[in-house]
Protein backbone atom coordinates (compact mmCIF):
# COMPACT_ATOMS: atom_id res chain seq x y z
CA MET A 1 78.14 -39.25 21.88
CA HIS A 2 75.60 -39.04 24.70
CA LEU A 3 74.69 -35.49 25.76
CA LEU A 4 72.90 -34.69 29.00
CA LEU A 5 71.19 -31.29 28.68
CA LEU A 6 69.97 -29.44 31.78
CA PHE A 7 67.49 -26.78 30.66
CA MET A 8 64.46 -25.71 32.69
CA TYR A 9 62.47 -24.32 29.76
CA TYR A 10 62.58 -27.08 27.12
CA LEU A 11 59.26 -26.73 25.28
CA ARG A 12 56.77 -29.28 24.09
CA PRO A 13 56.36 -29.57 20.29
CA ASP A 14 53.29 -27.29 19.99
CA ASP A 15 54.26 -24.81 22.71
CA PRO A 16 54.71 -21.15 21.81
CA GLY A 17 58.09 -19.75 22.74
CA ILE A 18 61.79 -19.97 21.95
CA LYS A 19 62.67 -23.28 20.28
CA ARG A 20 66.47 -22.90 20.26
CA PHE A 21 67.26 -26.07 22.17
CA ASN A 22 64.29 -28.06 20.88
CA GLU A 23 65.63 -27.55 17.36
CA PHE A 24 69.26 -28.01 18.38
CA CYS A 25 68.46 -31.33 20.07
CA GLN A 26 66.51 -32.57 17.04
CA LEU A 27 69.40 -31.66 14.73
CA TRP A 28 72.00 -33.18 17.03
CA ALA A 29 70.06 -36.44 17.21
CA THR A 30 68.94 -36.77 13.58
CA GLU A 31 71.79 -35.18 11.61
CA HIS A 32 74.77 -35.75 13.91
CA GLY A 33 73.91 -39.14 15.41
CA MET A 34 74.00 -38.01 19.03
CA ARG A 35 71.99 -39.50 21.85
CA VAL A 36 70.33 -36.62 23.72
CA THR A 37 68.74 -36.74 27.18
CA VAL A 38 67.08 -33.58 28.47
CA LEU A 39 66.29 -32.83 32.11
CA THR A 40 63.76 -30.01 32.13
CA GLY A 41 60.99 -28.49 34.24
CA GLN A 42 57.25 -28.94 34.44
CA VAL A 43 56.45 -25.22 34.15
CA HIS A 44 55.89 -23.29 30.93
CA TYR A 45 57.86 -20.09 31.42
CA ASN A 46 55.31 -17.83 29.67
CA THR A 47 52.36 -18.82 31.86
CA GLY A 48 54.37 -19.63 34.99
CA ARG A 49 52.10 -22.63 35.58
CA VAL A 50 52.68 -26.38 35.73
CA TYR A 51 51.47 -28.13 32.59
CA PRO A 52 47.86 -29.22 33.32
CA ASP A 53 48.53 -32.91 32.59
CA LEU A 54 51.49 -33.06 34.99
CA ASN A 55 51.02 -33.52 38.70
CA GLY A 56 54.04 -31.45 39.72
CA HIS A 57 55.25 -34.14 42.13
CA GLN A 58 57.06 -36.82 40.17
CA VAL A 59 59.39 -37.13 37.21
CA VAL A 60 57.54 -37.59 33.91
CA ARG A 61 59.22 -39.13 30.86
CA GLU A 62 58.37 -37.87 27.37
CA ASP A 63 59.76 -38.46 23.89
CA ASP A 64 60.35 -35.47 21.64
CA GLY A 65 61.03 -37.49 18.52
CA PRO A 66 64.45 -39.10 19.08
CA VAL A 67 65.12 -36.92 22.14
CA GLU A 68 64.48 -38.35 25.62
CA VAL A 69 62.89 -35.72 27.87
CA LEU A 70 62.52 -36.05 31.65
CA ARG A 71 60.31 -33.39 33.25
CA VAL A 72 61.48 -32.88 36.81
CA PRO A 73 59.21 -31.13 39.34
CA GLY A 74 60.01 -28.08 41.43
CA PRO A 75 58.07 -25.92 43.89
CA ASN A 76 54.86 -24.62 42.30
CA THR A 77 55.69 -20.97 43.01
CA PHE A 78 56.99 -19.83 39.61
CA HIS A 79 54.05 -17.45 39.04
CA ARG A 80 54.41 -15.66 42.40
CA GLY A 81 56.69 -12.77 41.55
CA TYR A 82 60.48 -12.70 41.51
CA ALA A 83 60.86 -14.44 44.87
CA GLY A 84 58.46 -17.23 43.89
CA ARG A 85 60.22 -17.71 40.57
CA ALA A 86 63.61 -17.97 42.28
CA MET A 87 62.21 -20.51 44.77
CA SER A 88 60.82 -22.60 41.92
CA GLN A 89 64.10 -22.47 39.99
CA ILE A 90 66.24 -23.33 43.01
CA GLY A 91 64.01 -26.23 44.05
CA TRP A 92 63.98 -27.61 40.51
CA ALA A 93 67.77 -27.35 40.21
CA GLN A 94 68.21 -29.21 43.48
CA ASN A 95 65.82 -31.96 42.36
CA LEU A 96 67.84 -32.71 39.22
CA ARG A 97 70.53 -34.49 41.19
CA ARG A 98 67.96 -36.97 42.49
CA VAL A 99 67.47 -38.21 38.93
CA TYR A 100 71.17 -38.89 38.26
CA PRO A 101 71.31 -42.41 39.79
CA ASP A 102 68.74 -43.62 37.22
CA LEU A 103 70.59 -42.25 34.18
CA ASP A 104 73.16 -43.86 31.91
CA LYS A 105 76.53 -42.18 32.06
CA PRO A 106 76.67 -39.34 29.52
CA ASP A 107 79.80 -38.26 27.65
CA LEU A 108 79.12 -34.58 28.18
CA VAL A 109 76.81 -32.40 30.26
CA MET A 110 75.49 -28.97 29.31
CA GLY A 111 73.56 -26.54 31.49
CA VAL A 112 71.62 -23.54 30.24
CA SER A 113 71.32 -20.36 32.30
CA VAL A 114 68.80 -18.92 33.11
CA PRO A 115 68.48 -19.90 35.85
CA LEU A 116 72.02 -19.50 37.12
CA TRP A 117 71.21 -22.07 39.81
CA ILE A 118 71.72 -24.63 37.04
CA ALA A 119 75.40 -24.41 37.98
CA TRP A 120 74.83 -26.62 41.04
CA PRO A 121 73.50 -29.74 39.24
CA LEU A 122 75.78 -29.04 36.25
CA VAL A 123 78.94 -29.17 38.35
CA ALA A 124 77.53 -32.12 40.30
CA ALA A 125 77.09 -34.08 37.05
CA ARG A 126 80.62 -33.16 35.96
CA ARG A 127 82.04 -34.50 39.21
CA ARG A 128 79.80 -37.57 39.41
CA TRP A 129 80.70 -38.91 35.98
CA HIS A 130 84.07 -37.15 35.44
CA ILE A 131 82.86 -35.64 32.17
CA PRO A 132 83.32 -32.20 30.60
CA ALA A 133 80.70 -29.54 31.34
CA ILE A 134 79.51 -26.60 29.24
CA LEU A 135 77.54 -23.69 30.65
CA GLU A 136 75.53 -21.61 28.18
CA VAL A 137 75.06 -18.10 29.53
CA ARG A 138 71.88 -16.52 28.15
CA ASP A 139 71.95 -13.45 30.43
CA LEU A 140 74.70 -11.95 32.56
CA TRP A 141 73.76 -12.48 36.20
CA PRO A 142 73.70 -10.66 38.55
CA GLU A 143 74.45 -7.73 36.22
CA ALA A 144 71.02 -8.03 34.59
CA ILE A 145 69.26 -7.93 37.97
CA VAL A 146 71.00 -4.71 38.94
CA ASN A 147 70.57 -2.96 35.61
CA MET A 148 66.90 -3.87 35.36
CA GLY A 149 66.33 -2.29 38.74
CA ILE A 150 65.13 -5.49 40.40
CA ALA A 151 67.64 -5.13 43.23
CA PRO A 152 70.66 -2.91 44.00
CA ALA A 153 74.22 -4.16 43.72
CA TYR A 154 74.63 -4.24 47.51
CA HIS A 155 71.55 -6.43 48.09
CA PRO A 156 72.51 -9.70 49.86
CA ALA A 157 70.81 -11.78 47.16
CA VAL A 158 72.79 -10.00 44.44
CA LEU A 159 76.04 -10.51 46.33
CA GLY A 160 75.18 -14.20 46.72
CA ILE A 161 74.43 -14.59 43.01
CA SER A 162 77.71 -12.84 42.19
CA MET A 163 79.55 -15.46 44.25
CA LEU A 164 77.61 -18.22 42.47
CA GLU A 165 78.51 -16.72 39.09
CA ARG A 166 82.24 -16.79 39.87
CA TRP A 167 82.00 -20.31 41.29
CA ALA A 168 80.10 -21.54 38.24
CA TYR A 169 82.54 -20.13 35.70
CA ARG A 170 85.49 -21.54 37.64
CA ASN A 171 84.02 -25.05 37.89
CA VAL A 172 82.89 -25.67 34.30
CA ASP A 173 85.15 -26.56 31.41
CA HIS A 174 83.73 -24.18 28.84
CA ILE A 175 81.26 -21.31 28.51
CA VAL A 176 79.05 -20.46 25.54
CA THR A 177 77.50 -17.01 25.22
CA ILE A 178 74.98 -15.80 22.66
CA PHE A 179 76.72 -12.58 21.62
CA ASP A 180 80.22 -11.14 21.65
CA GLY A 181 79.60 -8.54 24.34
CA GLN A 182 78.89 -11.25 26.92
CA LYS A 183 82.18 -12.98 26.13
CA GLU A 184 84.03 -9.66 26.41
CA ASN A 185 82.34 -8.99 29.76
CA ILE A 186 83.23 -12.37 31.28
CA ALA A 187 86.77 -12.44 29.94
CA GLY A 188 87.28 -8.76 30.81
CA ARG A 189 86.43 -9.47 34.44
CA ARG A 190 88.89 -12.40 34.33
CA LEU A 191 86.21 -14.89 35.31
CA LYS A 192 87.15 -17.21 32.43
CA ALA A 193 89.90 -17.18 29.83
CA ALA A 194 88.77 -15.96 26.41
CA ASP A 195 89.85 -19.23 24.76
CA GLN A 196 87.44 -21.08 27.06
CA ILE A 197 84.44 -19.05 25.85
CA ASP A 198 82.66 -19.52 22.51
CA VAL A 199 79.95 -17.30 21.03
CA ILE A 200 77.05 -19.18 19.41
CA PRO A 201 74.12 -16.84 18.68
CA HIS A 202 70.45 -17.86 18.88
CA GLY A 203 70.09 -18.27 15.14
CA VAL A 204 66.94 -19.26 13.28
CA MET A 205 65.61 -22.41 11.64
CA LEU A 206 65.00 -21.31 8.07
CA ASP A 207 63.06 -24.42 7.03
CA ALA A 208 59.79 -23.20 8.53
CA TYR A 209 60.04 -19.85 6.76
CA GLU A 210 60.83 -21.43 3.41
CA GLN A 211 57.70 -23.60 3.74
CA VAL A 212 55.21 -20.77 4.40
CA PRO A 213 52.43 -21.09 1.77
CA PRO A 214 52.20 -18.09 -0.58
CA ALA A 215 48.56 -17.62 0.40
CA ALA A 216 49.35 -17.31 4.13
CA ARG A 217 49.94 -13.55 4.02
CA GLY A 218 46.56 -12.77 2.51
CA GLU A 219 44.69 -15.27 4.69
CA ILE A 220 46.07 -13.92 7.96
CA ARG A 221 45.64 -10.28 6.95
CA ALA A 222 42.03 -11.01 6.04
CA ARG A 223 41.52 -12.74 9.38
CA LEU A 224 42.92 -9.68 11.14
CA GLY A 225 40.93 -7.24 9.02
CA VAL A 226 44.07 -5.62 7.61
CA THR A 227 43.68 -4.30 4.06
CA ASP A 228 46.23 -4.34 1.26
CA ASP A 229 46.91 -0.61 1.57
CA GLN A 230 47.64 -0.80 5.30
CA ARG A 231 51.05 -1.42 6.84
CA LEU A 232 51.09 -4.08 9.55
CA VAL A 233 53.63 -3.74 12.39
CA ILE A 234 54.22 -6.93 14.39
CA TYR A 235 55.84 -7.72 17.74
CA ALA A 236 56.55 -11.37 18.58
CA GLY A 237 57.81 -12.60 21.92
CA SER A 238 57.35 -12.57 25.65
CA HIS A 239 55.11 -10.06 27.43
CA GLY A 240 57.03 -9.53 30.64
CA PRO A 241 58.63 -6.60 32.48
CA ILE A 242 62.02 -7.03 30.79
CA TYR A 243 60.40 -6.09 27.45
CA ASN A 244 58.20 -3.22 28.66
CA LEU A 245 55.55 -3.47 25.94
CA THR A 246 54.04 -0.24 27.18
CA THR A 247 56.59 1.23 24.75
CA LEU A 248 54.70 -0.44 21.90
CA ILE A 249 51.38 0.91 23.18
CA ASP A 250 52.84 4.41 23.51
CA THR A 251 54.05 4.18 19.91
CA ALA A 252 50.66 3.02 18.66
CA GLU A 253 48.97 5.85 20.55
CA ARG A 254 51.20 8.42 18.87
CA LEU A 255 50.20 6.91 15.50
CA ARG A 256 46.50 6.47 16.27
CA ASP A 257 45.56 8.98 13.54
CA ARG A 258 47.42 6.93 10.91
CA ALA A 259 44.70 4.50 9.85
CA ASP A 260 47.18 2.98 7.40
CA ILE A 261 49.41 1.68 10.23
CA GLN A 262 48.17 -1.20 12.40
CA PHE A 263 49.95 -3.01 15.25
CA ILE A 264 49.62 -6.59 16.47
CA SER A 265 51.49 -8.48 19.17
CA ILE A 266 51.74 -12.27 19.41
CA GLY A 267 53.03 -14.04 22.50
CA ASP A 268 52.23 -14.37 26.17
CA GLY A 269 53.62 -13.45 29.56
CA TRP A 270 52.87 -12.05 32.98
CA GLU A 271 51.86 -8.61 31.75
CA ARG A 272 49.66 -9.43 28.74
CA GLN A 273 46.33 -8.93 30.49
CA LYS A 274 47.54 -5.66 31.99
CA LEU A 275 48.62 -4.50 28.54
CA ILE A 276 45.22 -5.35 27.05
CA ALA A 277 43.55 -3.38 29.82
CA ASP A 278 45.85 -0.42 29.10
CA VAL A 279 44.90 -0.47 25.40
CA GLN A 280 41.21 -0.49 26.33
CA ARG A 281 41.68 2.34 28.82
CA ARG A 282 43.34 4.50 26.17
CA GLY A 283 40.64 3.65 23.64
CA LEU A 284 43.13 2.48 21.01
CA THR A 285 41.85 0.52 18.02
CA ASN A 286 45.11 0.29 16.06
CA ILE A 287 46.86 -2.21 18.34
CA ARG A 288 45.84 -5.73 19.37
CA PHE A 289 47.41 -8.33 21.65
CA LEU A 290 46.52 -11.65 20.04
CA GLY A 291 48.06 -13.92 22.67
CA PRO A 292 50.21 -16.98 22.02
CA VAL A 293 50.15 -18.85 18.74
CA PRO A 294 51.70 -22.27 18.07
CA ALA A 295 55.35 -22.02 17.12
CA SER A 296 54.55 -23.61 13.76
CA GLU A 297 52.28 -20.65 12.90
CA VAL A 298 54.71 -17.85 13.79
CA PRO A 299 56.34 -17.77 10.31
CA SER A 300 52.91 -17.34 8.69
CA TYR A 301 52.01 -14.47 11.02
CA LEU A 302 55.32 -12.77 10.29
CA SER A 303 54.72 -13.20 6.57
CA ALA A 304 51.56 -11.12 6.97
CA ALA A 305 53.49 -8.15 8.42
CA ASP A 306 55.33 -5.30 6.72
CA ILE A 307 57.46 -4.04 9.63
CA ALA A 308 58.74 -5.81 12.74
CA CYS A 309 59.20 -4.18 16.11
CA SER A 310 61.47 -5.23 18.97
CA VAL A 311 61.26 -3.53 22.35
CA VAL A 312 63.02 -3.99 25.66
CA ASN A 313 63.00 -2.08 28.93
CA ALA A 314 65.32 0.64 27.64
CA ARG A 315 65.28 2.72 30.82
CA ALA A 316 66.57 -0.23 32.82
CA LEU A 317 69.36 -0.86 30.35
CA THR A 318 70.84 2.63 30.18
CA GLY A 319 73.54 1.82 32.76
CA TRP A 320 75.13 -0.92 30.64
CA ASN A 321 78.11 -0.19 28.47
CA ASP A 322 77.84 -0.07 24.69
CA ARG A 323 78.82 -3.69 24.08
CA THR A 324 77.23 -5.56 26.99
CA ARG A 325 73.95 -3.71 27.46
CA GLY A 326 70.78 -5.04 25.95
CA ALA A 327 70.46 -8.39 24.27
CA PHE A 328 70.18 -9.85 20.81
CA ARG A 329 66.62 -11.12 21.19
CA ASN A 330 65.64 -14.40 19.60
CA ALA A 331 62.79 -12.67 17.77
CA MET A 332 65.31 -10.59 15.82
CA PHE A 333 66.40 -13.74 13.98
CA ASP A 334 62.79 -14.66 13.18
CA TYR A 335 62.13 -11.19 11.83
CA ALA A 336 65.18 -11.56 9.61
CA ALA A 337 64.06 -14.98 8.36
CA ALA A 338 60.71 -13.43 7.41
CA ARG A 339 62.53 -10.71 5.45
CA LEU A 340 61.11 -7.95 7.63
CA PRO A 341 62.77 -4.63 8.39
CA VAL A 342 62.91 -4.12 12.15
CA VAL A 343 62.53 -1.01 14.26
CA PHE A 344 64.07 -1.73 17.64
CA ASN A 345 65.19 -0.14 20.88
CA ASP A 346 67.54 -2.98 21.90
CA PRO A 347 70.82 -1.15 22.56
CA GLY A 348 74.34 -2.49 22.28
CA CYS A 349 75.07 -5.50 20.10
CA ALA A 350 71.77 -5.38 18.17
CA VAL A 351 72.71 -1.92 16.88
CA HIS A 352 76.10 -3.21 15.68
CA GLU A 353 74.66 -6.34 14.05
CA VAL A 354 71.28 -5.30 12.63
CA GLN A 355 71.59 -1.61 11.82
CA GLU A 356 75.29 -1.10 11.14
CA ARG A 357 76.48 -4.41 9.68
CA ALA A 358 73.39 -5.94 8.07
CA ARG A 359 71.56 -2.64 7.36
CA GLY A 360 68.37 -4.52 8.20
CA GLY A 361 66.74 -2.18 10.70
CA LEU A 362 66.58 1.14 12.48
CA TYR A 363 67.52 1.71 16.11
CA ALA A 364 65.31 4.00 18.20
CA ASP A 365 66.49 5.29 21.56
CA THR A 366 63.36 5.19 23.74
CA ALA A 367 64.97 5.88 27.12
CA GLN A 368 63.37 9.35 27.14
CA GLY A 369 60.31 8.66 24.98
CA VAL A 370 59.03 6.96 21.84
CA GLU A 371 59.42 9.84 19.36
CA GLU A 372 62.26 8.19 17.45
CA MET A 373 60.44 4.86 17.21
CA VAL A 374 57.32 6.63 15.92
CA ARG A 375 59.40 8.41 13.31
CA HIS A 376 61.10 5.24 12.08
CA ILE A 377 57.85 3.28 11.77
CA ALA A 378 56.16 6.13 9.91
CA ARG A 379 59.17 6.38 7.58
CA LEU A 380 59.07 2.69 6.63
CA ALA A 381 55.29 2.81 6.25
CA ASP A 382 55.64 5.74 3.83
CA ARG A 383 58.55 4.18 1.93
CA PRO A 384 57.58 0.56 1.14
CA ASP A 385 60.46 0.09 -1.32
CA GLU A 386 62.98 1.07 1.34
CA ALA A 387 61.24 -1.24 3.82
CA ARG A 388 61.44 -4.19 1.41
CA GLU A 389 65.11 -3.54 0.68
CA MET A 390 65.86 -3.34 4.39
CA GLY A 391 63.99 -6.61 4.94
CA GLU A 392 66.09 -8.35 2.27
CA ASN A 393 69.24 -6.98 3.90
CA ASN A 394 68.05 -8.37 7.21
CA TYR A 395 67.54 -11.80 5.64
CA ARG A 396 70.95 -11.90 3.99
CA GLY A 397 72.89 -10.31 6.85
CA ILE A 398 71.25 -12.00 9.85
CA ALA A 399 69.10 -15.02 8.91
CA LEU A 400 71.53 -16.60 6.45
CA LYS A 401 74.57 -15.87 8.59
CA TYR A 402 72.96 -17.32 11.70
CA ASN A 403 71.14 -20.27 10.17
CA ARG A 404 70.43 -22.53 13.14
CA ARG A 405 71.71 -25.58 11.28
CA LYS A 406 75.09 -23.87 11.11
CA MET A 407 74.89 -22.97 14.80
CA ALA A 408 74.04 -26.60 15.68
CA LYS A 409 77.09 -27.82 13.76
CA VAL A 410 79.35 -25.30 15.51
CA TYR A 411 78.05 -26.64 18.84
CA VAL A 412 78.69 -30.25 17.79
CA GLU A 413 82.27 -29.42 16.82
CA LEU A 414 82.82 -27.80 20.22
CA MET A 415 81.35 -30.81 22.05
CA GLU A 416 83.43 -33.27 20.06
CA ARG A 417 86.61 -31.36 20.85
CA MET A 418 85.78 -31.38 24.54
CA VAL A 419 84.98 -35.09 24.65
CA ASP A 420 88.13 -35.94 22.67
CA ARG A 421 90.24 -33.76 24.96
CA ALA A 422 88.76 -35.42 28.06
CA ALA A 423 89.61 -38.87 26.67
CA GLN A 424 93.22 -38.06 25.80
CA PRO A 425 94.78 -38.59 29.26
CA VAL A 426 93.11 -41.99 29.56
CA THR A 427 94.33 -43.03 26.10
CA ALA A 428 97.85 -41.88 26.92
CA GLN A 429 97.83 -43.96 30.12
CA ILE A 430 96.65 -47.05 28.27
CA ARG A 431 99.37 -46.71 25.62
CA SER A 432 102.06 -46.28 28.24
């Protein structure tokens, strides 16, 4: 089977960031015998900049092991606010179709949203080659735009995206979402039948966590100056407005007199320098923003921690209903793989999965302040046995259940069904 994947943010091997599709593509190619071609962008989403070795004007071919990667240019405006990002995404999506004449015919095409503009080249590929198309929905657009306060529901751009959303769902064969609430939302609005929507969560690749050297914890803690009797709280992920890491700084400030609790953050994004400046302005010494680390080192950094923390812009998410609001962040799976208890303010499905089902973390409502998050972190710092038990629960209930190898196989089974179904009418005609 030959898969054509349209995904703007496919990372290079040593890039920091979410490796969901990098790892999926490797597994599909090596363990399931698929041929995989990826059309991606030339911008790293954390920095918003074109890779320095790319000229931003022509298609560049790369090999990611057995996976063929074509980096397609778009307007170099990704780092210029929301409007610049949209212009870059739209231009890139339009440029994908120019590459199609040079490609071998695939058996299946998959597009990953964000950006939602991926629907245009996705449907174009479906029609060009008469092949089935899958759209993976990572965020609900334009609902996310409205609830984050980026634009009101009546804004012309929001109305236009709403029309694109309906058109996209109508013109693809199948939708994949990353948690149940998204499926319920789409099916509930009658934009796609429930039997044409599958839920395949982010998941986590456990191999890297199983290979962390036993000495890694001590080495990294020594490098950070964290002693054995201190509790290390870690945040891993993007540093952008959707995550509102000021919440983490506020929490650290409330705990500044607890010398036994230290905070670190790893990752990058638009707001990291502003966050560092905020820490310096407040005179805090118990929280550090370390910047991005190679993806291969993330498991070792997590092994050095005692408590994980996940934060989102809770104020912006208060208008969402109990099942669709928030998101099940990719970092939550990594925390679980590292056997860490997690204190989080991600509402909705994360509460159902992590706190209630897996008993692997504690939810803190931060819409009106960080008091509950402060309380939970202090509790786990003071009760290390409870923290360890919660971390083991997180591993068993989240990491093992959502092992990315299992998720990759579920995806393959879906793709095989779709390709077989698409071939059936042709076979029937031949036999007749």
